[in-house]
């Protein structure tokens, strides 16, 4: 993915889906007591979140279950992950 695509995805997620990012931190990142979370960056293999918990600030890397092919695959993968977080 191009740097522009990554920036657009991160901006969209941070602006419109902050709740999903917090769920990613809890479910896939193992963070407890998440106060807030932002998507800092992503690549074909993982996303990196800046997470604020009740006790600390941390950077959390969450690997994807496959190598992303492009921005469309990234969108589909993030949606599937969000659905999984809401099912738990």
N, C-alpha and C. Protein backbone atom coordinates (compact mmCIF):
# COMPACT_ATOMS: atom_id res chain seq x y z
N UNK A 1 0.84 -1.18 0.00
CA UNK A 1 0.00 0.00 0.00
C UNK A 1 0.88 1.24 0.00
N UNK A 2 0.40 2.23 -0.66
CA UNK A 2 1.15 3.48 -0.72
C UNK A 2 1.05 4.20 0.62
N UNK A 3 2.02 5.08 0.91
CA UNK A 3 1.94 5.88 2.14
C UNK A 3 0.66 6.72 2.19
N UNK A 4 0.20 7.17 1.04
CA UNK A 4 -1.03 7.96 0.99
C UNK A 4 -2.25 7.11 1.39
N UNK A 5 -2.29 5.86 0.91
CA UNK A 5 -3.38 4.97 1.27
C UNK A 5 -3.37 4.66 2.76
N UNK A 6 -2.20 4.41 3.30
CA UNK A 6 -2.08 4.13 4.73
C UNK A 6 -2.54 5.34 5.54
N UNK A 7 -2.10 6.53 5.15
CA UNK A 7 -2.50 7.74 5.86
C UNK A 7 -4.01 7.94 5.80
N UNK A 8 -4.61 7.68 4.65
CA UNK A 8 -6.05 7.83 4.50
C UNK A 8 -6.81 6.82 5.36
N UNK A 9 -6.35 5.58 5.38
CA UNK A 9 -7.00 4.55 6.19
C UNK A 9 -6.91 4.91 7.67
N UNK A 10 -5.72 5.30 8.12
CA UNK A 10 -5.54 5.65 9.54
C UNK A 10 -6.41 6.85 9.91
N UNK A 11 -6.43 7.87 9.06
CA UNK A 11 -7.25 9.06 9.34
C UNK A 11 -8.73 8.69 9.42
N UNK A 12 -9.19 7.89 8.49
CA UNK A 12 -10.59 7.46 8.49
C UNK A 12 -10.91 6.67 9.76
N UNK A 13 -10.06 5.73 10.09
CA UNK A 13 -10.31 4.92 11.28
C UNK A 13 -10.31 5.79 12.54
N UNK A 14 -9.35 6.69 12.66
CA UNK A 14 -9.27 7.55 13.85
C UNK A 14 -10.45 8.51 13.93
N UNK A 15 -10.87 9.04 12.79
CA UNK A 15 -11.96 10.02 12.78
C UNK A 15 -13.34 9.37 12.94
N UNK A 16 -13.52 8.19 12.36
CA UNK A 16 -14.86 7.62 12.28
C UNK A 16 -15.07 6.30 13.03
N UNK A 17 -13.99 5.65 13.46
CA UNK A 17 -14.13 4.34 14.08
C UNK A 17 -13.24 4.15 15.31
N UNK A 18 -13.19 5.18 16.14
CA UNK A 18 -12.35 5.11 17.35
C UNK A 18 -12.78 3.96 18.25
N UNK A 19 -14.08 3.66 18.28
CA UNK A 19 -14.55 2.56 19.11
C UNK A 19 -13.99 1.22 18.62
N UNK A 20 -13.92 1.04 17.32
CA UNK A 20 -13.35 -0.20 16.77
C UNK A 20 -11.87 -0.33 17.11
N UNK A 21 -11.15 0.79 17.05
CA UNK A 21 -9.72 0.75 17.37
C UNK A 21 -9.53 0.35 18.83
N UNK A 22 -10.36 0.88 19.71
CA UNK A 22 -10.27 0.50 21.13
C UNK A 22 -10.57 -0.99 21.30
N UNK A 23 -11.54 -1.48 20.55
CA UNK A 23 -11.83 -2.93 20.60
C UNK A 23 -10.66 -3.74 20.07
N UNK A 24 -10.00 -3.29 18.99
CA UNK A 24 -8.82 -4.00 18.49
C UNK A 24 -7.77 -4.10 19.60
N UNK A 25 -7.56 -2.97 20.32
CA UNK A 25 -6.56 -2.96 21.40
C UNK A 25 -6.92 -3.97 22.49
N UNK A 26 -8.20 -4.02 22.85
CA UNK A 26 -8.64 -4.95 23.90
C UNK A 26 -8.56 -6.41 23.46
N UNK A 27 -9.17 -6.70 22.32
CA UNK A 27 -9.33 -8.09 21.90
C UNK A 27 -8.06 -8.66 21.28
N UNK A 28 -7.48 -7.94 20.33
CA UNK A 28 -6.31 -8.46 19.62
C UNK A 28 -4.99 -8.04 20.24
N UNK A 29 -5.00 -6.93 21.00
CA UNK A 29 -3.77 -6.44 21.61
C UNK A 29 -3.61 -6.82 23.06
N UNK A 30 -4.66 -7.38 23.65
CA UNK A 30 -4.59 -7.81 25.04
C UNK A 30 -4.51 -6.68 26.05
N UNK A 31 -4.93 -5.49 25.67
CA UNK A 31 -4.87 -4.34 26.58
C UNK A 31 -6.10 -4.32 27.48
N UNK A 32 -5.88 -4.05 28.74
CA UNK A 32 -6.99 -3.95 29.69
C UNK A 32 -7.26 -2.48 29.99
N UNK A 33 -8.46 -2.19 30.34
CA UNK A 33 -8.86 -0.85 30.77
C UNK A 33 -8.48 0.23 29.75
N UNK A 34 -8.80 -0.02 28.47
CA UNK A 34 -8.48 0.93 27.41
C UNK A 34 -9.33 2.19 27.59
N UNK A 35 -8.66 3.32 27.67
CA UNK A 35 -9.34 4.61 27.74
C UNK A 35 -9.54 5.15 26.34
N UNK A 36 -8.48 5.06 25.52
CA UNK A 36 -8.56 5.49 24.13
C UNK A 36 -7.46 4.80 23.33
N UNK A 37 -7.66 4.79 22.02
CA UNK A 37 -6.66 4.18 21.13
C UNK A 37 -6.74 4.87 19.78
N UNK A 38 -5.59 5.02 19.15
CA UNK A 38 -5.50 5.60 17.81
C UNK A 38 -4.66 4.68 16.94
N UNK A 39 -5.00 4.62 15.67
CA UNK A 39 -4.20 3.85 14.72
C UNK A 39 -3.08 4.75 14.23
N UNK A 40 -1.85 4.41 14.60
CA UNK A 40 -0.69 5.21 14.18
C UNK A 40 -0.29 4.91 12.75
N UNK A 41 -0.20 3.63 12.43
CA UNK A 41 0.23 3.24 11.09
C UNK A 41 -0.16 1.80 10.85
N UNK A 42 0.05 1.37 9.63
CA UNK A 42 -0.17 -0.03 9.28
C UNK A 42 0.69 -0.35 8.08
N UNK A 43 0.94 -1.63 7.90
CA UNK A 43 1.61 -2.11 6.70
C UNK A 43 0.91 -3.39 6.28
N UNK A 44 1.48 -4.11 5.38
CA UNK A 44 0.82 -5.31 4.87
C UNK A 44 0.69 -6.41 5.92
N UNK A 45 1.45 -6.32 7.00
CA UNK A 45 1.47 -7.39 7.99
C UNK A 45 0.81 -7.05 9.32
N UNK A 46 0.68 -5.76 9.65
CA UNK A 46 0.18 -5.40 10.98
C UNK A 46 -0.27 -3.95 11.04
N UNK A 47 -0.95 -3.65 12.14
CA UNK A 47 -1.28 -2.26 12.46
C UNK A 47 -0.61 -1.92 13.78
N UNK A 48 -0.28 -0.65 13.95
CA UNK A 48 0.32 -0.17 15.19
C UNK A 48 -0.62 0.85 15.81
N UNK A 49 -0.97 0.61 17.08
CA UNK A 49 -1.90 1.47 17.79
C UNK A 49 -1.19 2.18 18.93
N UNK A 50 -1.59 3.43 19.16
CA UNK A 50 -1.19 4.16 20.36
C UNK A 50 -2.35 4.03 21.33
N UNK A 51 -2.10 3.34 22.44
CA UNK A 51 -3.17 2.99 23.37
C UNK A 51 -2.94 3.67 24.71
N UNK A 52 -4.00 4.27 25.23
CA UNK A 52 -3.99 4.83 26.58
C UNK A 52 -4.88 3.94 27.42
N UNK A 53 -4.29 3.38 28.48
CA UNK A 53 -5.06 2.56 29.42
C UNK A 53 -5.19 3.35 30.73
N UNK A 54 -5.88 2.76 31.68
CA UNK A 54 -6.02 3.41 32.98
C UNK A 54 -4.68 3.61 33.66
N UNK A 55 -3.68 2.78 33.29
CA UNK A 55 -2.40 2.82 33.98
C UNK A 55 -1.22 3.33 33.15
N UNK A 56 -1.35 3.35 31.82
CA UNK A 56 -0.16 3.64 31.01
C UNK A 56 -0.54 4.07 29.60
N UNK A 57 0.47 4.48 28.88
CA UNK A 57 0.39 4.70 27.44
C UNK A 57 1.33 3.68 26.82
N UNK A 58 0.87 3.03 25.78
CA UNK A 58 1.72 2.02 25.14
C UNK A 58 1.48 1.96 23.65
N UNK A 59 2.45 1.45 22.97
CA UNK A 59 2.35 1.18 21.54
C UNK A 59 2.11 -0.30 21.38
N UNK A 60 1.08 -0.65 20.61
CA UNK A 60 0.69 -2.05 20.46
C UNK A 60 0.69 -2.39 18.98
N UNK A 61 1.41 -3.45 18.63
CA UNK A 61 1.42 -3.95 17.25
C UNK A 61 0.49 -5.15 17.18
N UNK A 62 -0.45 -5.09 16.24
CA UNK A 62 -1.40 -6.17 16.07
C UNK A 62 -1.23 -6.76 14.67
N UNK A 63 -0.77 -8.00 14.60
CA UNK A 63 -0.58 -8.62 13.28
C UNK A 63 -1.92 -8.98 12.64
N UNK A 64 -1.96 -8.91 11.32
CA UNK A 64 -3.13 -9.36 10.57
C UNK A 64 -3.03 -10.87 10.39
N UNK A 65 -4.14 -11.51 10.07
CA UNK A 65 -4.14 -12.96 9.90
C UNK A 65 -3.62 -13.39 8.53
N UNK A 66 -3.33 -12.41 7.67
CA UNK A 66 -2.73 -12.66 6.36
C UNK A 66 -2.04 -11.38 5.89
N UNK A 67 -1.22 -11.49 4.90
CA UNK A 67 -0.54 -10.31 4.34
C UNK A 67 -1.53 -9.57 3.45
N UNK A 68 -1.75 -8.30 3.75
CA UNK A 68 -2.70 -7.50 2.98
C UNK A 68 -2.19 -7.26 1.57
N UNK A 69 -3.09 -7.37 0.61
CA UNK A 69 -2.72 -7.18 -0.80
C UNK A 69 -2.78 -5.73 -1.23
N UNK A 70 -3.79 -5.00 -0.71
CA UNK A 70 -4.01 -3.61 -1.15
C UNK A 70 -4.96 -2.94 -0.18
N UNK A 71 -5.34 -1.70 -0.49
CA UNK A 71 -6.21 -0.93 0.39
C UNK A 71 -7.59 -1.58 0.53
N UNK A 72 -8.10 -2.17 -0.53
CA UNK A 72 -9.40 -2.84 -0.44
C UNK A 72 -9.33 -4.03 0.52
N UNK A 73 -8.25 -4.77 0.45
CA UNK A 73 -8.07 -5.89 1.37
C UNK A 73 -7.93 -5.37 2.80
N UNK A 74 -7.25 -4.25 2.98
CA UNK A 74 -7.11 -3.66 4.31
C UNK A 74 -8.49 -3.30 4.86
N UNK A 75 -9.31 -2.66 4.05
CA UNK A 75 -10.67 -2.29 4.48
C UNK A 75 -11.45 -3.53 4.89
N UNK A 76 -11.45 -4.53 4.04
CA UNK A 76 -12.20 -5.76 4.32
C UNK A 76 -11.69 -6.44 5.59
N UNK A 77 -10.39 -6.45 5.79
CA UNK A 77 -9.79 -7.08 6.96
C UNK A 77 -10.15 -6.33 8.23
N UNK A 78 -10.07 -5.00 8.19
CA UNK A 78 -10.41 -4.21 9.37
C UNK A 78 -11.89 -4.37 9.73
N UNK A 79 -12.75 -4.44 8.73
CA UNK A 79 -14.18 -4.65 8.99
C UNK A 79 -14.39 -6.03 9.62
N UNK A 80 -13.76 -7.05 9.08
CA UNK A 80 -13.90 -8.40 9.64
C UNK A 80 -13.39 -8.45 11.08
N UNK A 81 -12.29 -7.77 11.34
CA UNK A 81 -11.76 -7.74 12.71
C UNK A 81 -12.73 -7.02 13.64
N UNK A 82 -13.32 -5.93 13.18
CA UNK A 82 -14.28 -5.19 14.01
C UNK A 82 -15.49 -6.07 14.32
N UNK A 83 -15.95 -6.81 13.34
CA UNK A 83 -17.09 -7.71 13.57
C UNK A 83 -16.73 -8.75 14.62
N UNK A 84 -15.51 -9.27 14.55
CA UNK A 84 -15.09 -10.28 15.54
C UNK A 84 -15.03 -9.69 16.95
N UNK A 85 -14.60 -8.43 17.06
CA UNK A 85 -14.51 -7.82 18.40
C UNK A 85 -15.89 -7.60 19.00
N UNK A 86 -16.87 -7.31 18.17
CA UNK A 86 -18.22 -7.07 18.67
C UNK A 86 -18.94 -8.38 18.98
N UNK A 87 -18.43 -9.47 18.46
CA UNK A 87 -19.04 -10.78 18.71
C UNK A 87 -18.55 -11.40 20.02
N UNK A 88 -17.47 -10.83 20.57
CA UNK A 88 -16.92 -11.41 21.80
C UNK A 88 -17.39 -10.66 23.02
